[in-house]
Amino acid sequence: MLAIIKTGGKQYKIQEGDKIKVEKLEGEEGSVITFDEVLFVGDEKDVKVGAPVVPGAKVEAKIIKTEKGDKVTGMKFKAKKRYKVKFGHRQTMTEVEILSIK
């Protein structure tokens, strides 16, 4: 079974058993969480597309770990003002394993 969920302002295509990294979620390692914003659920026989979400559809996942992602750098620059600033950011990510799609 295939599903598309929305979390952290992004959409993820998932199947049972997948491990994905999403933006930080509240909860301890090993706890089970539920995603209620399911946009699409389907397999070879049946397809359900939400408008915007599929009513009654839920995805359960287990939190594996929470860690920081890769560093992203950027620059601010203003011409003719001798202004140049380099900055970096590391987003906190949570890795989850998809247990079931209902």
N, C-alpha and C. Protein backbone atom coordinates (compact mmCIF):
# COMPACT_ATOMS: atom_id res chain seq x y z
N MET A 1 0.84 -1.17 0.00
CA MET A 1 0.00 0.00 0.00
C MET A 1 0.89 1.24 0.00
N LEU A 2 0.47 2.24 -0.70
CA LEU A 2 1.21 3.48 -0.88
C LEU A 2 0.40 4.64 -0.30
N ALA A 3 1.09 5.62 0.29
CA ALA A 3 0.40 6.79 0.83
C ALA A 3 1.29 8.01 0.67
N ILE A 4 0.65 9.17 0.66
CA ILE A 4 1.35 10.44 0.67
C ILE A 4 0.86 11.20 1.89
N ILE A 5 1.81 11.58 2.76
CA ILE A 5 1.46 12.31 3.98
C ILE A 5 2.08 13.69 3.94
N LYS A 6 1.52 14.58 4.76
CA LYS A 6 2.03 15.94 4.87
C LYS A 6 2.44 16.18 6.32
N THR A 7 3.68 16.60 6.52
CA THR A 7 4.17 16.95 7.85
C THR A 7 5.31 17.95 7.70
N GLY A 8 5.33 18.93 8.57
CA GLY A 8 6.38 19.94 8.52
C GLY A 8 6.36 20.79 7.27
N GLY A 9 5.19 20.92 6.64
CA GLY A 9 5.08 21.73 5.42
C GLY A 9 5.57 21.03 4.17
N LYS A 10 5.91 19.75 4.27
CA LYS A 10 6.40 18.98 3.13
C LYS A 10 5.56 17.72 2.95
N GLN A 11 5.62 17.14 1.75
CA GLN A 11 4.87 15.92 1.46
C GLN A 11 5.85 14.77 1.23
N TYR A 12 5.50 13.58 1.74
CA TYR A 12 6.36 12.42 1.63
C TYR A 12 5.57 11.24 1.09
N LYS A 13 6.14 10.53 0.10
CA LYS A 13 5.54 9.32 -0.44
C LYS A 13 6.11 8.15 0.36
N ILE A 14 5.23 7.34 0.97
CA ILE A 14 5.69 6.29 1.88
C ILE A 14 5.00 4.97 1.61
N GLN A 15 5.64 3.90 2.11
CA GLN A 15 5.07 2.56 2.16
C GLN A 15 5.36 2.00 3.54
N GLU A 16 4.70 0.90 3.90
CA GLU A 16 4.96 0.27 5.19
C GLU A 16 6.40 -0.23 5.22
N GLY A 17 7.10 0.05 6.32
CA GLY A 17 8.48 -0.38 6.47
C GLY A 17 9.51 0.66 6.07
N ASP A 18 9.08 1.75 5.43
CA ASP A 18 10.01 2.81 5.01
C ASP A 18 10.56 3.56 6.22
N LYS A 19 11.79 4.06 6.09
CA LYS A 19 12.37 4.94 7.09
C LYS A 19 12.60 6.29 6.41
N ILE A 20 12.01 7.35 6.97
CA ILE A 20 12.16 8.68 6.39
C ILE A 20 12.60 9.66 7.46
N LYS A 21 13.23 10.76 7.01
CA LYS A 21 13.62 11.84 7.91
C LYS A 21 12.69 13.01 7.66
N VAL A 22 12.04 13.46 8.73
CA VAL A 22 11.12 14.60 8.65
C VAL A 22 11.59 15.67 9.62
N GLU A 23 11.00 16.86 9.53
CA GLU A 23 11.35 17.90 10.49
C GLU A 23 10.96 17.46 11.89
N LYS A 24 11.58 18.06 12.89
CA LYS A 24 11.48 17.61 14.27
C LYS A 24 10.04 17.40 14.72
N LEU A 25 9.81 16.23 15.34
CA LEU A 25 8.51 15.88 15.90
C LEU A 25 8.66 15.71 17.40
N GLU A 26 7.61 16.07 18.14
CA GLU A 26 7.63 15.90 19.59
C GLU A 26 7.42 14.43 19.92
N GLY A 27 8.18 13.94 20.87
CA GLY A 27 8.05 12.55 21.31
C GLY A 27 9.41 11.95 21.59
N GLU A 28 9.41 10.89 22.37
CA GLU A 28 10.65 10.22 22.73
C GLU A 28 10.96 9.11 21.74
N GLU A 29 12.22 8.67 21.74
CA GLU A 29 12.62 7.58 20.87
C GLU A 29 11.87 6.31 21.27
N GLY A 30 11.35 5.61 20.28
CA GLY A 30 10.60 4.39 20.52
C GLY A 30 9.10 4.59 20.64
N SER A 31 8.64 5.84 20.77
CA SER A 31 7.21 6.08 20.89
C SER A 31 6.54 6.05 19.51
N VAL A 32 5.25 5.75 19.51
CA VAL A 32 4.48 5.65 18.27
C VAL A 32 3.70 6.94 18.08
N ILE A 33 3.77 7.51 16.87
CA ILE A 33 3.03 8.74 16.55
C ILE A 33 2.08 8.45 15.38
N THR A 34 1.11 9.33 15.20
CA THR A 34 0.11 9.17 14.15
C THR A 34 0.10 10.41 13.26
N PHE A 35 0.16 10.19 11.96
CA PHE A 35 0.01 11.27 10.98
C PHE A 35 -1.43 11.25 10.50
N ASP A 36 -2.15 12.37 10.71
CA ASP A 36 -3.55 12.45 10.31
C ASP A 36 -3.74 13.09 8.94
N GLU A 37 -2.77 13.87 8.49
CA GLU A 37 -2.89 14.54 7.19
C GLU A 37 -2.40 13.60 6.08
N VAL A 38 -3.29 12.71 5.65
CA VAL A 38 -2.99 11.76 4.58
C VAL A 38 -3.66 12.28 3.32
N LEU A 39 -2.86 12.58 2.29
CA LEU A 39 -3.37 13.18 1.07
C LEU A 39 -3.78 12.15 0.02
N PHE A 40 -3.19 10.95 0.09
CA PHE A 40 -3.43 9.91 -0.92
C PHE A 40 -3.21 8.55 -0.28
N VAL A 41 -4.07 7.60 -0.58
CA VAL A 41 -3.90 6.21 -0.15
C VAL A 41 -4.29 5.34 -1.34
N GLY A 42 -3.45 4.34 -1.64
CA GLY A 42 -3.81 3.48 -2.77
C GLY A 42 -2.92 2.26 -2.91
N ASP A 43 -3.42 1.31 -3.69
CA ASP A 43 -2.67 0.14 -4.11
C ASP A 43 -3.12 -0.20 -5.53
N GLU A 44 -2.85 -1.43 -5.98
CA GLU A 44 -3.19 -1.79 -7.36
C GLU A 44 -4.71 -1.82 -7.60
N LYS A 45 -5.49 -2.10 -6.55
CA LYS A 45 -6.93 -2.27 -6.71
C LYS A 45 -7.74 -1.02 -6.44
N ASP A 46 -7.34 -0.25 -5.41
CA ASP A 46 -8.16 0.87 -4.95
C ASP A 46 -7.31 2.11 -4.74
N VAL A 47 -7.84 3.26 -5.12
CA VAL A 47 -7.14 4.53 -4.96
C VAL A 47 -8.09 5.53 -4.31
N LYS A 48 -7.60 6.23 -3.27
CA LYS A 48 -8.39 7.28 -2.63
C LYS A 48 -7.54 8.55 -2.60
N VAL A 49 -8.08 9.59 -3.20
CA VAL A 49 -7.40 10.89 -3.24
C VAL A 49 -8.21 11.86 -2.40
N GLY A 50 -7.55 12.55 -1.50
CA GLY A 50 -8.23 13.48 -0.61
C GLY A 50 -8.46 14.83 -1.23
N ALA A 51 -9.37 15.59 -0.63
CA ALA A 51 -9.63 16.95 -1.08
C ALA A 51 -9.80 17.86 0.14
N PRO A 52 -8.80 18.26 0.86
CA PRO A 52 -7.37 18.01 0.67
C PRO A 52 -6.86 16.75 1.37
N VAL A 53 -7.59 16.18 2.36
CA VAL A 53 -7.12 14.97 3.03
C VAL A 53 -8.14 13.86 2.89
N VAL A 54 -7.68 12.61 3.01
CA VAL A 54 -8.57 11.46 2.94
C VAL A 54 -9.22 11.29 4.31
N PRO A 55 -10.55 11.34 4.39
CA PRO A 55 -11.21 11.21 5.70
C PRO A 55 -11.02 9.81 6.28
N GLY A 56 -10.64 9.75 7.55
CA GLY A 56 -10.48 8.48 8.25
C GLY A 56 -9.16 7.77 8.04
N ALA A 57 -8.30 8.30 7.17
CA ALA A 57 -7.01 7.65 6.90
C ALA A 57 -5.98 8.10 7.93
N LYS A 58 -5.17 7.14 8.41
CA LYS A 58 -4.13 7.43 9.38
C LYS A 58 -2.89 6.62 9.04
N VAL A 59 -1.74 7.17 9.40
CA VAL A 59 -0.47 6.48 9.24
C VAL A 59 0.22 6.46 10.59
N GLU A 60 0.60 5.27 11.05
CA GLU A 60 1.29 5.14 12.33
C GLU A 60 2.77 4.93 12.06
N ALA A 61 3.61 5.60 12.86
CA ALA A 61 5.06 5.50 12.70
C ALA A 61 5.72 5.47 14.07
N LYS A 62 6.92 4.89 14.11
CA LYS A 62 7.69 4.82 15.35
C LYS A 62 8.91 5.72 15.22
N ILE A 63 9.17 6.53 16.25
CA ILE A 63 10.32 7.43 16.23
C ILE A 63 11.57 6.61 16.50
N ILE A 64 12.54 6.69 15.60
CA ILE A 64 13.80 5.96 15.76
C ILE A 64 14.82 6.83 16.48
N LYS A 65 15.07 8.04 15.95
CA LYS A 65 16.02 8.94 16.60
C LYS A 65 15.80 10.37 16.11
N THR A 66 16.31 11.32 16.90
CA THR A 66 16.27 12.73 16.56
C THR A 66 17.70 13.24 16.51
N GLU A 67 18.06 13.89 15.41
CA GLU A 67 19.42 14.39 15.25
C GLU A 67 19.41 15.62 14.34
N LYS A 68 20.56 16.27 14.26
CA LYS A 68 20.68 17.42 13.38
C LYS A 68 21.01 16.98 11.97
N GLY A 69 20.47 17.68 10.99
CA GLY A 69 20.71 17.38 9.59
C GLY A 69 22.00 18.01 9.10
N ASP A 70 22.21 17.99 7.79
CA ASP A 70 23.40 18.58 7.19
C ASP A 70 23.38 20.09 7.31
N LYS A 71 24.57 20.70 7.31
CA LYS A 71 24.67 22.15 7.43
C LYS A 71 24.38 22.81 6.09
N VAL A 72 23.58 23.86 6.15
CA VAL A 72 23.26 24.66 4.97
C VAL A 72 23.86 26.04 5.20
N THR A 73 24.66 26.53 4.25
CA THR A 73 25.27 27.85 4.40
C THR A 73 24.67 28.83 3.41
N GLY A 74 24.77 30.10 3.75
CA GLY A 74 24.25 31.15 2.88
C GLY A 74 25.05 32.43 3.07
N MET A 75 24.79 33.41 2.22
CA MET A 75 25.50 34.69 2.28
C MET A 75 24.50 35.83 2.18
N LYS A 76 24.78 36.91 2.92
CA LYS A 76 24.08 38.17 2.74
C LYS A 76 25.11 39.14 2.19
N PHE A 77 24.72 39.93 1.21
CA PHE A 77 25.65 40.84 0.56
C PHE A 77 24.92 42.08 0.10
N LYS A 78 25.51 43.24 0.37
CA LYS A 78 24.96 44.51 -0.13
C LYS A 78 26.06 45.21 -0.91
N ALA A 79 25.78 45.49 -2.17
CA ALA A 79 26.77 46.10 -3.06
C ALA A 79 27.12 47.51 -2.61
N LYS A 80 28.38 47.85 -2.72
CA LYS A 80 28.93 49.20 -2.45
C LYS A 80 28.80 49.63 -1.00
N LYS A 81 28.52 48.71 -0.08
CA LYS A 81 28.34 49.07 1.33
C LYS A 81 29.34 48.34 2.24
N ARG A 82 30.24 47.52 1.67
CA ARG A 82 31.21 46.73 2.43
C ARG A 82 30.50 45.84 3.45
N TYR A 83 29.38 45.28 3.04
CA TYR A 83 28.59 44.42 3.93
C TYR A 83 28.53 43.02 3.34
N LYS A 84 29.07 42.06 4.08
CA LYS A 84 29.05 40.67 3.65
C LYS A 84 29.01 39.80 4.90
N VAL A 85 27.99 38.94 5.01
CA VAL A 85 27.83 38.08 6.17
C VAL A 85 27.57 36.65 5.68
N LYS A 86 28.33 35.71 6.24
CA LYS A 86 28.12 34.29 5.94
C LYS A 86 27.43 33.66 7.14
N PHE A 87 26.40 32.84 6.89
CA PHE A 87 25.68 32.20 7.98
C PHE A 87 25.46 30.73 7.66
N GLY A 88 25.19 29.94 8.71
CA GLY A 88 24.92 28.52 8.55
C GLY A 88 23.76 28.11 9.43
N HIS A 89 23.17 26.96 9.09
CA HIS A 89 22.01 26.47 9.83
C HIS A 89 21.98 24.94 9.74
N ARG A 90 21.67 24.28 10.86
CA ARG A 90 21.47 22.83 10.88
C ARG A 90 20.09 22.54 11.44
N GLN A 91 19.20 22.02 10.59
CA GLN A 91 17.83 21.73 10.98
C GLN A 91 17.79 20.43 11.79
N THR A 92 16.99 20.40 12.85
CA THR A 92 16.80 19.19 13.64
C THR A 92 15.81 18.28 12.90
N MET A 93 16.23 17.03 12.69
CA MET A 93 15.43 16.07 11.94
C MET A 93 15.08 14.88 12.83
N THR A 94 13.93 14.28 12.58
CA THR A 94 13.50 13.08 13.28
C THR A 94 13.37 11.96 12.26
N GLU A 95 14.00 10.84 12.54
CA GLU A 95 13.89 9.68 11.66
C GLU A 95 12.77 8.79 12.19
N VAL A 96 11.83 8.45 11.31
CA VAL A 96 10.69 7.61 11.70
C VAL A 96 10.60 6.40 10.79
N GLU A 97 10.06 5.31 11.34
CA GLU A 97 9.80 4.10 10.57
C GLU A 97 8.29 3.92 10.47
N ILE A 98 7.78 3.74 9.25
CA ILE A 98 6.35 3.61 9.02
C ILE A 98 5.91 2.20 9.43
N LEU A 99 4.96 2.12 10.36
CA LEU A 99 4.47 0.84 10.84
C LEU A 99 3.24 0.37 10.08
N SER A 100 2.24 1.25 9.92
CA SER A 100 1.02 0.82 9.24
C SER A 100 0.33 2.00 8.57
N ILE A 101 -0.41 1.68 7.53
CA ILE A 101 -1.24 2.65 6.82
C ILE A 101 -2.67 2.15 6.93
N LYS A 102 -3.56 2.96 7.53
CA LYS A 102 -4.95 2.53 7.76
C LYS A 102 -5.90 3.45 7.02
